[in-house]
C-alpha atoms as a PDB file:
ATOM      1  CA  UNK A   1      18.420   1.565   1.783  1.00  0.00           C
ATOM      2  CA  UNK A   2      14.764   1.962   2.812  1.00  0.00           C
ATOM      3  CA  UNK A   3      12.275  -0.772   2.083  1.00  0.00           C
ATOM      4  CA  UNK A   4       8.605  -0.007   2.742  1.00  0.00           C
ATOM      5  CA  UNK A   5       6.116  -2.867   2.673  1.00  0.00           C
ATOM      6  CA  UNK A   6       2.395  -2.119   2.526  1.00  0.00           C
ATOM      7  CA  UNK A   7      -0.069  -4.970   2.946  1.00  0.00           C
ATOM      8  CA  UNK A   8      -3.672  -4.512   1.963  1.00  0.00           C
ATOM      9  CA  UNK A   9      -6.748  -6.450   0.945  1.00  0.00           C
ATOM     10  CA  UNK A  10      -6.837  -7.456  -2.703  1.00  0.00           C
ATOM     11  CA  UNK A  11      -9.429  -5.535  -4.671  1.00  0.00           C
ATOM     12  CA  UNK A  12      -9.367  -2.248  -2.761  1.00  0.00           C
ATOM     13  CA  UNK A  13      -6.797  -0.390  -4.865  1.00  0.00           C
ATOM     14  CA  UNK A  14      -7.001   0.490  -8.519  1.00  0.00           C
ATOM     15  CA  UNK A  15      -3.813   0.523 -10.582  1.00  0.00           C
ATOM     16  CA  UNK A  16      -3.835   4.310 -10.403  1.00  0.00           C
ATOM     17  CA  UNK A  17      -4.220   4.305  -6.611  1.00  0.00           C
ATOM     18  CA  UNK A  18      -1.448   1.729  -6.228  1.00  0.00           C
ATOM     19  CA  UNK A  19       0.914   3.828  -8.358  1.00  0.00           C
ATOM     20  CA  UNK A  20       0.020   6.997  -6.457  1.00  0.00           C
ATOM     21  CA  UNK A  21       0.605   5.272  -3.130  1.00  0.00           C
ATOM     22  CA  UNK A  22       4.026   4.050  -4.239  1.00  0.00           C
ATOM     23  CA  UNK A  23       4.994   7.489  -5.527  1.00  0.00           C
ATOM     24  CA  UNK A  24       3.839   9.320  -2.408  1.00  0.00           C
ATOM     25  CA  UNK A  25       5.515   6.888  -0.017  1.00  0.00           C
ATOM     26  CA  UNK A  26       8.715   7.196  -2.040  1.00  0.00           C
ATOM     27  CA  UNK A  27       8.494  10.990  -1.870  1.00  0.00           C
ATOM     28  CA  UNK A  28       8.104  10.941   1.918  1.00  0.00           C
ATOM     29  CA  UNK A  29      11.084   8.599   2.282  1.00  0.00           C
ATOM     30  CA  UNK A  30      13.137  10.874   0.018  1.00  0.00           C
ATOM     31  CA  UNK A  31      12.221  13.948   2.043  1.00  0.00           C
ATOM     32  CA  UNK A  32      12.674  12.414   5.488  1.00  0.00           C
ATOM     33  CA  UNK A  33      15.342   9.718   5.302  1.00  0.00           C
ATOM     34  CA  UNK A  34      17.071  11.059   2.206  1.00  0.00           C
ATOM     35  CA  UNK A  35      16.956  14.639   3.503  1.00  0.00           C
ATOM     36  CA  UNK A  36      15.700  15.790   0.103  1.00  0.00           C
ATOM     37  CA  UNK A  37      18.743  14.552  -1.799  1.00  0.00           C
ATOM     38  CA  UNK A  38      17.418  13.413  -5.219  1.00  0.00           C
ATOM     39  CA  UNK A  39      20.265  10.871  -5.531  1.00  0.00           C
ATOM     40  CA  UNK A  40      18.701   8.973  -2.616  1.00  0.00           C
ATOM     41  CA  UNK A  41      15.644   8.080  -4.737  1.00  0.00           C
ATOM     42  CA  UNK A  42      17.469   5.207  -6.439  1.00  0.00           C
ATOM     43  CA  UNK A  43      17.680   3.386  -3.099  1.00  0.00           C
ATOM     44  CA  UNK A  44      13.991   3.583  -2.143  1.00  0.00           C
ATOM     45  CA  UNK A  45      11.940   0.418  -2.556  1.00  0.00           C
ATOM     46  CA  UNK A  46       8.174   0.246  -2.030  1.00  0.00           C
ATOM     47  CA  UNK A  47       6.317  -3.059  -2.189  1.00  0.00           C
ATOM     48  CA  UNK A  48       2.537  -3.253  -2.084  1.00  0.00           C
ATOM     49  CA  UNK A  49       1.275  -6.732  -1.272  1.00  0.00           C
ATOM     50  CA  UNK A  50      -2.372  -7.450  -1.947  1.00  0.00           C
ATOM     51  CA  UNK A  51      -3.801 -10.523  -0.229  1.00  0.00           C
ATOM     52  CA  UNK A  52      -7.113 -12.293  -0.728  1.00  0.00           C
ATOM     53  CA  UNK A  53      -9.840 -11.216   1.691  1.00  0.00           C
ATOM     54  CA  UNK A  54      -9.955 -14.700   3.251  1.00  0.00           C
ATOM     55  CA  UNK A  55      -6.368 -14.175   4.460  1.00  0.00           C
ATOM     56  CA  UNK A  56      -7.503 -11.282   6.665  1.00  0.00           C
ATOM     57  CA  UNK A  57      -9.245 -11.398  10.015  1.00  0.00           C
ATOM     58  CA  UNK A  58     -10.711  -8.206  11.444  1.00  0.00           C
ATOM     59  CA  UNK A  59     -12.308  -8.171  14.886  1.00  0.00           C
ATOM     60  CA  UNK A  60     -12.456 -11.989  14.898  1.00  0.00           C
ATOM     61  CA  UNK A  61     -14.200 -12.055  11.505  1.00  0.00           C
ATOM     62  CA  UNK A  62     -12.683 -13.313   8.285  1.00  0.00           C
ATOM     63  CA  UNK A  63     -13.245 -10.869   5.463  1.00  0.00           C
ATOM     64  CA  UNK A  64     -15.428 -11.997   2.600  1.00  0.00           C
ATOM     65  CA  UNK A  65     -15.269 -10.762  -0.976  1.00  0.00           C
ATOM     66  CA  UNK A  66     -18.665  -9.141  -0.371  1.00  0.00           C
ATOM     67  CA  UNK A  67     -17.365  -7.219   2.631  1.00  0.00           C
ATOM     68  CA  UNK A  68     -14.413  -5.981   0.573  1.00  0.00           C
ATOM     69  CA  UNK A  69     -16.755  -4.906  -2.237  1.00  0.00           C
ATOM     70  CA  UNK A  70     -18.887  -2.972   0.272  1.00  0.00           C
ATOM     71  CA  UNK A  71     -15.802  -1.336   1.756  1.00  0.00           C
ATOM     72  CA  UNK A  72     -14.426  -0.403  -1.673  1.00  0.00           C
ATOM     73  CA  UNK A  73     -17.796   1.073  -2.688  1.00  0.00           C
ATOM     74  CA  UNK A  74     -17.856   3.234   0.435  1.00  0.00           C
ATOM     75  CA  UNK A  75     -14.443   4.791  -0.217  1.00  0.00           C
END
């Protein structure tokens, strides 16, 4: 039973992007681990955890909400 956990910074994904990410990850797991068997889909779990920017440290710098906003705007 595959369990995929994605951790990301809160505020970067829209609801639509989050749903698309879950669907695409599930599809890859179905194709690879489930060998394309559609019955395998019921066992696939995908969890997307979104954490506050202050919980992240990148290159010795704690992310700020402003840095996340700038990153999101550049995507």
